[in-house]
Amino acid sequence: REQASPPTKHRANSKSAPRRRTTMAKQIPEFEELPEVYRQLLSSTWTERKASFDRLADIVCQHTAEFAAAGKLPKAFDALVECVADPNPKLMAHALTELKDRVFPSLSRHQHHLSDFAPSAVPTLAGACVSARRGAQRSAHETLRDFIARVDSTRVLQPIASLVEHGNQRMRETMMPHLAPVSADVYEKRPMLVSKYVPPAVAAVLRDRSGASHHQGQQIVKSLKEAFGESWKDIVHHSQVPGEVQALIV
């Protein structure tokens, strides 16, 4: 019985280690800066907002694991992404570049974290593509493409399809190039997700009676047929789209 004591002690030590790591993650000094950083992101002065964006990006990139362990990463990431909708075009362009070149690559080392943010990040980035001034539109589209390429396609399909289904003409123009390739990738993993989200999006575009939307619908159907071949018919038939509408999109 005396010989059994050391293993028991070892097990106790092994259990205590995760608790120490969690405590350390929650107490890193940089976390004390966050309330002021978030406050300055709401400043009426764009240079102060930019400085806070840069500081928050620095902390997140340097301490991604600690942010995730402490449950602070979603709020921080959302705050950074929301800067692409800033009314100041200089800060908007700066945020787009920093996200693509620094923040996304850093979080990609923890890919499951980046994918978790797809439902909120995709609409915000797509909105930047639509609203950006001419000089920043290219950067906005590059940042959106980069984000989509980095995340799990099964997490990004729904927001893409939703924006195609419910967006205006410019939003559909922004998202259409992503629908077919993302759908094709998802089909290899979870084909029912494609049937759930994609045919309703296509049907909504075709039901829009404007000339531009009808042309968009034809383009979407063409790209999906090219991506799926004969499988596109099966995808549509397994969807919840009414039969009379199915005939229009196969």
Protein backbone atom coordinates (compact mmCIF):
# COMPACT_ATOMS: atom_id res chain seq x y z
CA ARG A 1 0.00 0.00 0.00
CA GLU A 2 2.91 2.34 0.73
CA GLN A 3 4.22 1.77 -2.81
CA ALA A 4 0.92 2.98 -4.28
CA SER A 5 1.35 6.50 -2.93
CA PRO A 6 3.77 7.94 -5.55
CA PRO A 7 1.46 7.21 -8.53
CA THR A 8 -1.42 8.84 -6.64
CA LYS A 9 0.70 11.93 -6.06
CA HIS A 10 1.74 11.98 -9.71
CA ARG A 11 -1.89 11.85 -10.85
CA ALA A 12 -2.77 14.74 -8.57
CA ASN A 13 0.06 16.81 -10.02
CA SER A 14 -1.01 16.00 -13.58
CA LYS A 15 -4.54 17.16 -12.83
CA SER A 16 -3.38 20.43 -11.32
CA ALA A 17 -1.29 21.44 -14.35
CA PRO A 18 -4.25 22.35 -16.63
CA ARG A 19 -5.72 24.48 -13.85
CA ARG A 20 -2.47 26.42 -13.56
CA ARG A 21 -2.36 27.00 -17.32
CA THR A 22 -5.96 28.21 -17.39
CA THR A 23 -5.32 30.58 -14.49
CA MET A 24 -2.23 32.00 -16.18
CA ALA A 25 -4.13 32.54 -19.44
CA LYS A 26 -6.79 34.56 -17.66
CA GLN A 27 -4.26 36.74 -15.88
CA ILE A 28 -1.91 37.87 -18.63
CA PRO A 29 -1.24 41.59 -18.12
CA GLU A 30 -2.46 42.58 -21.59
CA PHE A 31 -6.02 41.67 -20.63
CA GLU A 32 -6.06 44.65 -18.29
CA GLU A 33 -5.77 46.93 -21.33
CA LEU A 34 -8.86 45.57 -23.07
CA PRO A 35 -11.56 47.79 -21.51
CA GLU A 36 -9.72 50.92 -22.59
CA VAL A 37 -8.94 49.47 -26.02
CA TYR A 38 -12.60 48.67 -26.63
CA ARG A 39 -13.61 52.11 -25.38
CA GLN A 40 -11.21 53.83 -27.77
CA LEU A 41 -12.57 51.81 -30.68
CA LEU A 42 -15.74 53.87 -30.21
CA SER A 43 -13.87 57.19 -30.22
CA SER A 44 -15.09 59.96 -32.50
CA THR A 45 -11.48 60.46 -33.66
CA TRP A 46 -10.46 58.02 -36.34
CA THR A 47 -6.77 58.09 -35.38
CA GLU A 48 -7.68 56.93 -31.88
CA ARG A 49 -9.81 54.15 -33.34
CA LYS A 50 -6.88 53.15 -35.56
CA ALA A 51 -4.46 53.09 -32.62
CA SER A 52 -6.86 50.89 -30.66
CA PHE A 53 -7.34 48.59 -33.63
CA ASP A 54 -3.57 48.18 -33.94
CA ARG A 55 -3.13 47.51 -30.22
CA LEU A 56 -5.92 44.96 -30.14
CA ALA A 57 -4.51 43.24 -33.22
CA ASP A 58 -1.09 43.11 -31.56
CA ILE A 59 -2.47 41.50 -28.41
CA VAL A 60 -4.64 39.00 -30.27
CA CYS A 61 -1.82 37.92 -32.58
CA GLN A 62 0.65 37.54 -29.73
CA HIS A 63 -1.72 35.75 -27.34
CA THR A 64 -4.26 33.91 -29.48
CA ALA A 65 -4.20 30.79 -27.31
CA GLU A 66 -4.66 32.81 -24.14
CA PHE A 67 -7.59 34.74 -25.64
CA ALA A 68 -9.23 31.48 -26.64
CA ALA A 69 -8.67 29.82 -23.26
CA ALA A 70 -10.12 32.81 -21.45
CA GLY A 71 -13.15 33.03 -23.73
CA LYS A 72 -12.13 36.49 -24.93
CA LEU A 73 -11.37 35.72 -28.56
CA PRO A 74 -14.88 36.09 -30.07
CA LYS A 75 -15.34 39.65 -28.77
CA ALA A 76 -11.84 40.67 -29.83
CA PHE A 77 -12.14 39.17 -33.30
CA ASP A 78 -15.56 40.75 -33.88
CA ALA A 79 -14.20 44.13 -32.81
CA LEU A 80 -11.33 43.87 -35.28
CA VAL A 81 -13.53 42.75 -38.17
CA GLU A 82 -16.10 45.46 -37.51
CA CYS A 83 -13.42 48.05 -38.27
CA VAL A 84 -13.75 47.20 -41.97
CA ALA A 85 -17.10 49.00 -41.75
CA ASP A 86 -15.56 52.12 -40.24
CA PRO A 87 -16.84 55.35 -41.83
CA ASN A 88 -13.29 56.61 -42.25
CA PRO A 89 -11.92 55.20 -45.53
CA LYS A 90 -8.33 55.26 -44.28
CA LEU A 91 -9.13 53.12 -41.24
CA MET A 92 -11.33 50.86 -43.33
CA ALA A 93 -8.51 50.22 -45.82
CA HIS A 94 -6.01 49.76 -42.98
CA ALA A 95 -8.22 47.23 -41.21
CA LEU A 96 -8.75 45.23 -44.40
CA THR A 97 -5.01 44.98 -45.01
CA GLU A 98 -4.12 44.14 -41.42
CA LEU A 99 -6.76 41.43 -41.18
CA LYS A 100 -5.57 39.74 -44.35
CA ASP A 101 -1.83 40.11 -43.78
CA ARG A 102 -1.57 39.69 -40.02
CA VAL A 103 -4.67 38.69 -38.06
CA PHE A 104 -6.03 35.91 -40.27
CA PRO A 105 -2.63 34.20 -40.67
CA SER A 106 -2.11 34.32 -36.91
CA LEU A 107 -5.48 32.78 -36.14
CA SER A 108 -5.08 30.23 -38.92
CA ARG A 109 -2.61 28.44 -36.69
CA HIS A 110 -5.71 27.75 -34.59
CA GLN A 111 -7.98 27.02 -37.55
CA HIS A 112 -10.96 25.88 -35.54
CA HIS A 113 -11.09 29.32 -33.93
CA LEU A 114 -11.10 31.16 -37.26
CA SER A 115 -13.83 28.92 -38.65
CA ASP A 116 -16.00 29.59 -35.60
CA PHE A 117 -16.24 33.24 -36.66
CA ALA A 118 -17.45 32.62 -40.22
CA PRO A 119 -21.19 33.29 -39.60
CA SER A 120 -20.51 36.83 -38.38
CA ALA A 121 -17.33 37.66 -40.30
CA VAL A 122 -18.54 36.81 -43.81
CA PRO A 123 -21.49 39.27 -43.82
CA THR A 124 -19.28 42.04 -42.41
CA LEU A 125 -16.51 41.48 -44.94
CA ALA A 126 -19.03 41.18 -47.76
CA GLY A 127 -20.61 44.43 -46.65
CA ALA A 128 -17.21 46.08 -46.90
CA CYS A 129 -16.92 44.82 -50.48
CA VAL A 130 -20.25 46.48 -51.30
CA SER A 131 -19.70 49.75 -49.46
CA ALA A 132 -15.98 50.35 -49.99
CA ARG A 133 -14.87 53.25 -52.11
CA ARG A 134 -13.37 52.45 -55.46
CA GLY A 135 -9.80 52.47 -54.15
CA ALA A 136 -10.56 49.99 -51.34
CA GLN A 137 -12.85 47.60 -53.19
CA ARG A 138 -10.01 45.42 -54.44
CA SER A 139 -8.59 45.12 -50.95
CA ALA A 140 -12.03 44.26 -49.56
CA HIS A 141 -12.55 41.48 -52.08
CA GLU A 142 -9.04 40.12 -51.45
CA THR A 143 -9.66 40.05 -47.70
CA LEU A 144 -12.99 38.26 -48.13
CA ARG A 145 -11.41 35.68 -50.46
CA ASP A 146 -8.54 35.14 -48.04
CA PHE A 147 -10.88 34.55 -45.11
CA ILE A 148 -13.05 32.09 -47.05
CA ALA A 149 -9.97 30.18 -48.19
CA ARG A 150 -8.70 29.81 -44.63
CA VAL A 151 -11.84 28.50 -42.91
CA ASP A 152 -13.72 25.22 -42.98
CA SER A 153 -16.01 25.33 -46.02
CA THR A 154 -18.82 23.67 -44.07
CA ARG A 155 -18.91 26.70 -41.74
CA VAL A 156 -18.86 29.32 -44.47
CA LEU A 157 -21.43 27.88 -46.89
CA GLN A 158 -24.51 29.01 -44.97
CA PRO A 159 -23.56 32.72 -44.70
CA ILE A 160 -22.55 32.80 -48.37
CA ALA A 161 -25.81 31.20 -49.49
CA SER A 162 -27.82 33.45 -47.19
CA LEU A 163 -26.27 36.59 -48.67
CA VAL A 164 -27.03 35.34 -52.17
CA GLU A 165 -30.59 34.53 -51.16
CA HIS A 166 -31.41 37.72 -49.25
CA GLY A 167 -28.90 40.28 -50.52
CA ASN A 168 -29.43 43.04 -53.02
CA GLN A 169 -27.97 42.98 -56.52
CA ARG A 170 -24.52 44.24 -55.48
CA MET A 171 -24.32 41.79 -52.60
CA ARG A 172 -25.22 38.93 -54.91
CA GLU A 173 -22.57 40.04 -57.36
CA THR A 174 -20.07 39.95 -54.51
CA MET A 175 -20.99 36.49 -53.23
CA MET A 176 -21.83 34.63 -56.44
CA PRO A 177 -18.20 33.82 -57.33
CA HIS A 178 -17.80 32.04 -54.00
CA LEU A 179 -20.99 29.96 -54.01
CA ALA A 180 -20.08 27.25 -56.52
CA PRO A 181 -16.49 26.48 -55.39
CA VAL A 182 -17.41 26.46 -51.70
CA SER A 183 -20.46 24.29 -52.42
CA ALA A 184 -18.35 21.81 -54.36
CA ASP A 185 -15.92 21.48 -51.46
CA VAL A 186 -18.73 21.04 -48.93
CA TYR A 187 -20.37 18.40 -51.12
CA GLU A 188 -17.36 16.14 -50.59
CA LYS A 189 -17.82 16.37 -46.81
CA ARG A 190 -21.48 16.97 -46.03
CA PRO A 191 -23.61 16.84 -49.21
CA MET A 192 -26.88 17.48 -47.39
CA LEU A 193 -25.67 20.94 -46.40
CA VAL A 194 -25.47 21.82 -50.08
CA SER A 195 -29.05 20.67 -50.65
CA LYS A 196 -30.16 22.60 -47.59
CA TYR A 197 -28.66 25.98 -48.43
CA VAL A 198 -27.79 26.29 -52.10
CA PRO A 199 -30.99 25.51 -54.07
CA PRO A 200 -33.11 27.93 -51.96
CA ALA A 201 -30.56 30.67 -52.62
CA VAL A 202 -30.66 30.04 -56.36
CA ALA A 203 -34.45 29.89 -56.35
CA ALA A 204 -34.69 33.24 -54.55
CA VAL A 205 -32.57 34.92 -57.22
CA LEU A 206 -34.64 33.43 -60.02
CA ARG A 207 -37.89 34.48 -58.36
CA ASP A 208 -36.72 38.08 -58.36
CA ARG A 209 -38.37 39.49 -61.46
CA SER A 210 -35.85 42.21 -62.22
CA GLY A 211 -33.80 41.74 -65.36
CA ALA A 212 -30.51 41.93 -63.50
CA SER A 213 -31.56 39.24 -61.02
CA HIS A 214 -32.74 36.93 -63.78
CA HIS A 215 -29.33 37.24 -65.42
CA GLN A 216 -27.64 36.61 -62.06
CA GLY A 217 -29.77 33.51 -61.57
CA GLN A 218 -28.75 32.14 -64.93
CA GLN A 219 -25.10 32.74 -64.09
CA ILE A 220 -25.42 30.96 -60.74
CA VAL A 221 -27.14 27.94 -62.28
CA LYS A 222 -24.48 27.73 -64.98
CA SER A 223 -21.63 27.85 -62.48
CA LEU A 224 -23.26 25.21 -60.27
CA LYS A 225 -23.90 22.87 -63.20
CA GLU A 226 -20.27 23.23 -64.20
CA ALA A 227 -19.15 22.48 -60.64
CA PHE A 228 -21.42 19.49 -60.01
CA GLY A 229 -22.34 18.06 -63.38
CA GLU A 230 -25.19 15.54 -63.12
CA SER A 231 -24.97 15.66 -59.31
CA TRP A 232 -26.62 19.08 -59.39
CA LYS A 233 -29.97 17.45 -60.20
CA ASP A 234 -29.68 15.20 -57.15
CA ILE A 235 -28.78 18.18 -54.97
CA VAL A 236 -31.87 20.06 -56.11
CA HIS A 237 -34.18 17.06 -55.79
CA HIS A 238 -33.08 16.53 -52.18
CA SER A 239 -33.76 20.16 -51.30
CA GLN A 240 -36.88 21.78 -49.85
CA VAL A 241 -37.42 23.88 -52.98
CA PRO A 242 -40.93 23.31 -54.45
CA GLY A 243 -41.11 21.06 -57.49
CA GLU A 244 -42.17 23.75 -59.91
CA VAL A 245 -39.20 25.86 -58.89
CA GLN A 246 -36.83 22.89 -59.08
CA ALA A 247 -37.60 22.67 -62.78
CA LEU A 248 -36.20 26.17 -63.24
CA ILE A 249 -32.86 25.49 -61.63
CA VAL A 250 -31.89 22.07 -62.95
